[in-house]
Amino acid sequence: MPNEEYLTTAEAARLLKVSRSTVQLLAREGRLPAIRVGVQWRIPHEAPELWLYKQKQAGGKQRASAKAEGVKQKRSGFDDLVKLAAPIKLRKVQ
């Protein structure tokens, strides 16, 4: 019986419409909440949708403020994602 609380990198990649290596990179950099299980990553099933939502929200706000300031800004949104994902009690992997 598979554990449906977590997604594999392949499942998360399909949801995000990116490659598995992109999901692994996001997890490794801490930009997508994930848990390391041996050599594999497991992503909480809410994380991809929350990540996409926060990226969209952060992108619109940053573009508006960057236009006003005339400056390009980095897009992250991870801190906000962690706040939204707090109820699922993620542990930071070191």
C-alpha atoms as a PDB file:
ATOM      1  CA  MET A   1       0.000   0.000   0.000  1.00  0.00           C
ATOM      2  CA  PRO A   2       1.731   3.236  -1.132  1.00  0.00           C
ATOM      3  CA  ASN A   3       2.003   6.169   1.220  1.00  0.00           C
ATOM      4  CA  GLU A   4      -0.099   8.917  -0.364  1.00  0.00           C
ATOM      5  CA  GLU A   5       1.143  11.670   1.961  1.00  0.00           C
ATOM      6  CA  TYR A   6       4.336  12.085  -0.059  1.00  0.00           C
ATOM      7  CA  LEU A   7       5.118  12.235  -3.757  1.00  0.00           C
ATOM      8  CA  THR A   8       8.157  10.894  -5.544  1.00  0.00           C
ATOM      9  CA  THR A   9      10.215  13.306  -7.621  1.00  0.00           C
ATOM     10  CA  ALA A  10       8.645  11.837 -10.778  1.00  0.00           C
ATOM     11  CA  GLU A  11       5.111  12.458  -9.472  1.00  0.00           C
ATOM     12  CA  ALA A  12       5.971  15.995  -8.356  1.00  0.00           C
ATOM     13  CA  ALA A  13       7.654  16.660 -11.718  1.00  0.00           C
ATOM     14  CA  ARG A  14       4.486  15.621 -13.550  1.00  0.00           C
ATOM     15  CA  LEU A  15       2.389  17.960 -11.390  1.00  0.00           C
ATOM     16  CA  LEU A  16       4.799  20.872 -11.872  1.00  0.00           C
ATOM     17  CA  LYS A  17       5.365  20.022 -15.558  1.00  0.00           C
ATOM     18  CA  VAL A  18       9.137  20.071 -15.133  1.00  0.00           C
ATOM     19  CA  SER A  19      11.839  17.412 -15.204  1.00  0.00           C
ATOM     20  CA  ARG A  20      12.731  15.174 -12.263  1.00  0.00           C
ATOM     21  CA  SER A  21      16.137  16.827 -12.083  1.00  0.00           C
ATOM     22  CA  THR A  22      14.453  20.227 -11.635  1.00  0.00           C
ATOM     23  CA  VAL A  23      12.412  18.872  -8.719  1.00  0.00           C
ATOM     24  CA  GLN A  24      15.568  17.367  -7.212  1.00  0.00           C
ATOM     25  CA  LEU A  25      17.392  20.685  -7.608  1.00  0.00           C
ATOM     26  CA  LEU A  26      14.545  22.614  -5.967  1.00  0.00           C
ATOM     27  CA  ALA A  27      14.521  20.122  -3.089  1.00  0.00           C
ATOM     28  CA  ARG A  28      18.301  20.170  -2.703  1.00  0.00           C
ATOM     29  CA  GLU A  29      18.352  23.985  -2.639  1.00  0.00           C
ATOM     30  CA  GLY A  30      15.521  24.045  -0.094  1.00  0.00           C
ATOM     31  CA  ARG A  31      13.180  25.916  -2.444  1.00  0.00           C
ATOM     32  CA  LEU A  32      10.645  23.056  -2.466  1.00  0.00           C
ATOM     33  CA  PRO A  33       9.870  21.385   0.868  1.00  0.00           C
ATOM     34  CA  ALA A  34      11.112  17.803   0.732  1.00  0.00           C
ATOM     35  CA  ILE A  35      12.398  14.982   2.881  1.00  0.00           C
ATOM     36  CA  ARG A  36      15.420  12.899   1.985  1.00  0.00           C
ATOM     37  CA  VAL A  37      14.831   9.140   2.312  1.00  0.00           C
ATOM     38  CA  GLY A  38      18.137   7.440   1.621  1.00  0.00           C
ATOM     39  CA  VAL A  39      19.143   8.708  -1.807  1.00  0.00           C
ATOM     40  CA  GLN A  40      15.583   9.601  -2.813  1.00  0.00           C
ATOM     41  CA  TRP A  41      13.483  12.681  -2.171  1.00  0.00           C
ATOM     42  CA  ARG A  42       9.884  12.662  -0.974  1.00  0.00           C
ATOM     43  CA  ILE A  43       7.754  15.743  -1.421  1.00  0.00           C
ATOM     44  CA  PRO A  44       4.658  16.401   0.725  1.00  0.00           C
ATOM     45  CA  HIS A  45       1.631  16.145  -1.554  1.00  0.00           C
ATOM     46  CA  GLU A  46       0.581  19.745  -0.807  1.00  0.00           C
ATOM     47  CA  ALA A  47       4.018  21.214  -1.569  1.00  0.00           C
ATOM     48  CA  PRO A  48       3.926  21.409  -5.403  1.00  0.00           C
ATOM     49  CA  GLU A  49       0.570  23.194  -5.479  1.00  0.00           C
ATOM     50  CA  LEU A  50       1.585  25.567  -2.665  1.00  0.00           C
ATOM     51  CA  TRP A  51       4.918  26.227  -4.356  1.00  0.00           C
ATOM     52  CA  LEU A  52       3.258  27.097  -7.664  1.00  0.00           C
ATOM     53  CA  TYR A  53       0.742  29.350  -5.921  1.00  0.00           C
ATOM     54  CA  LYS A  54       3.451  31.213  -4.025  1.00  0.00           C
ATOM     55  CA  GLN A  55       5.592  31.547  -7.145  1.00  0.00           C
ATOM     56  CA  LYS A  56       2.664  33.128  -8.954  1.00  0.00           C
ATOM     57  CA  GLN A  57       1.907  35.450  -6.033  1.00  0.00           C
ATOM     58  CA  ALA A  58       5.551  36.410  -5.509  1.00  0.00           C
ATOM     59  CA  GLY A  59       6.089  36.950  -9.235  1.00  0.00           C
ATOM     60  CA  GLY A  60       3.291  39.475  -9.566  1.00  0.00           C
ATOM     61  CA  LYS A  61       4.304  41.430  -6.469  1.00  0.00           C
ATOM     62  CA  GLN A  62       7.999  41.402  -7.339  1.00  0.00           C
ATOM     63  CA  ARG A  63       7.405  42.465 -10.928  1.00  0.00           C
ATOM     64  CA  ALA A  64       5.296  45.397  -9.764  1.00  0.00           C
ATOM     65  CA  SER A  65       7.821  46.548  -7.165  1.00  0.00           C
ATOM     66  CA  ALA A  66      10.760  45.932  -9.518  1.00  0.00           C
ATOM     67  CA  LYS A  67       9.110  48.076 -12.177  1.00  0.00           C
ATOM     68  CA  ALA A  68       8.552  50.832  -9.648  1.00  0.00           C
ATOM     69  CA  GLU A  69      12.169  50.627  -8.461  1.00  0.00           C
ATOM     70  CA  GLY A  70      13.656  49.795 -11.858  1.00  0.00           C
ATOM     71  CA  VAL A  71      15.477  46.800 -10.316  1.00  0.00           C
ATOM     72  CA  LYS A  72      15.408  43.080 -11.083  1.00  0.00           C
ATOM     73  CA  GLN A  73      14.758  40.917  -8.010  1.00  0.00           C
ATOM     74  CA  LYS A  74      15.295  37.240  -7.269  1.00  0.00           C
ATOM     75  CA  ARG A  75      12.200  35.053  -7.040  1.00  0.00           C
ATOM     76  CA  SER A  76      12.028  32.644  -4.162  1.00  0.00           C
ATOM     77  CA  GLY A  77       8.825  32.557  -2.140  1.00  0.00           C
ATOM     78  CA  PHE A  78      10.156  29.658  -0.049  1.00  0.00           C
ATOM     79  CA  ASP A  79       9.736  31.430   3.297  1.00  0.00           C
ATOM     80  CA  ASP A  80       6.080  32.103   2.535  1.00  0.00           C
ATOM     81  CA  LEU A  81       5.624  28.506   1.415  1.00  0.00           C
ATOM     82  CA  VAL A  82       7.051  27.266   4.699  1.00  0.00           C
ATOM     83  CA  LYS A  83       4.560  29.453   6.573  1.00  0.00           C
ATOM     84  CA  LEU A  84       1.669  28.056   4.529  1.00  0.00           C
ATOM     85  CA  ALA A  85       2.962  24.504   4.869  1.00  0.00           C
ATOM     86  CA  ALA A  86       3.544  24.785   8.642  1.00  0.00           C
ATOM     87  CA  PRO A  87       0.324  22.920   9.466  1.00  0.00           C
ATOM     88  CA  ILE A  88       1.680  19.803   7.716  1.00  0.00           C
ATOM     89  CA  LYS A  89       4.637  19.848  10.142  1.00  0.00           C
ATOM     90  CA  LEU A  90       7.577  19.592   7.753  1.00  0.00           C
ATOM     91  CA  ARG A  91      11.028  18.957   9.137  1.00  0.00           C
ATOM     92  CA  LYS A  92      13.970  20.733   7.598  1.00  0.00           C
ATOM     93  CA  VAL A  93      16.469  18.233   6.173  1.00  0.00           C
ATOM     94  CA  GLN A  94      20.117  19.015   6.770  1.00  0.00           C
END
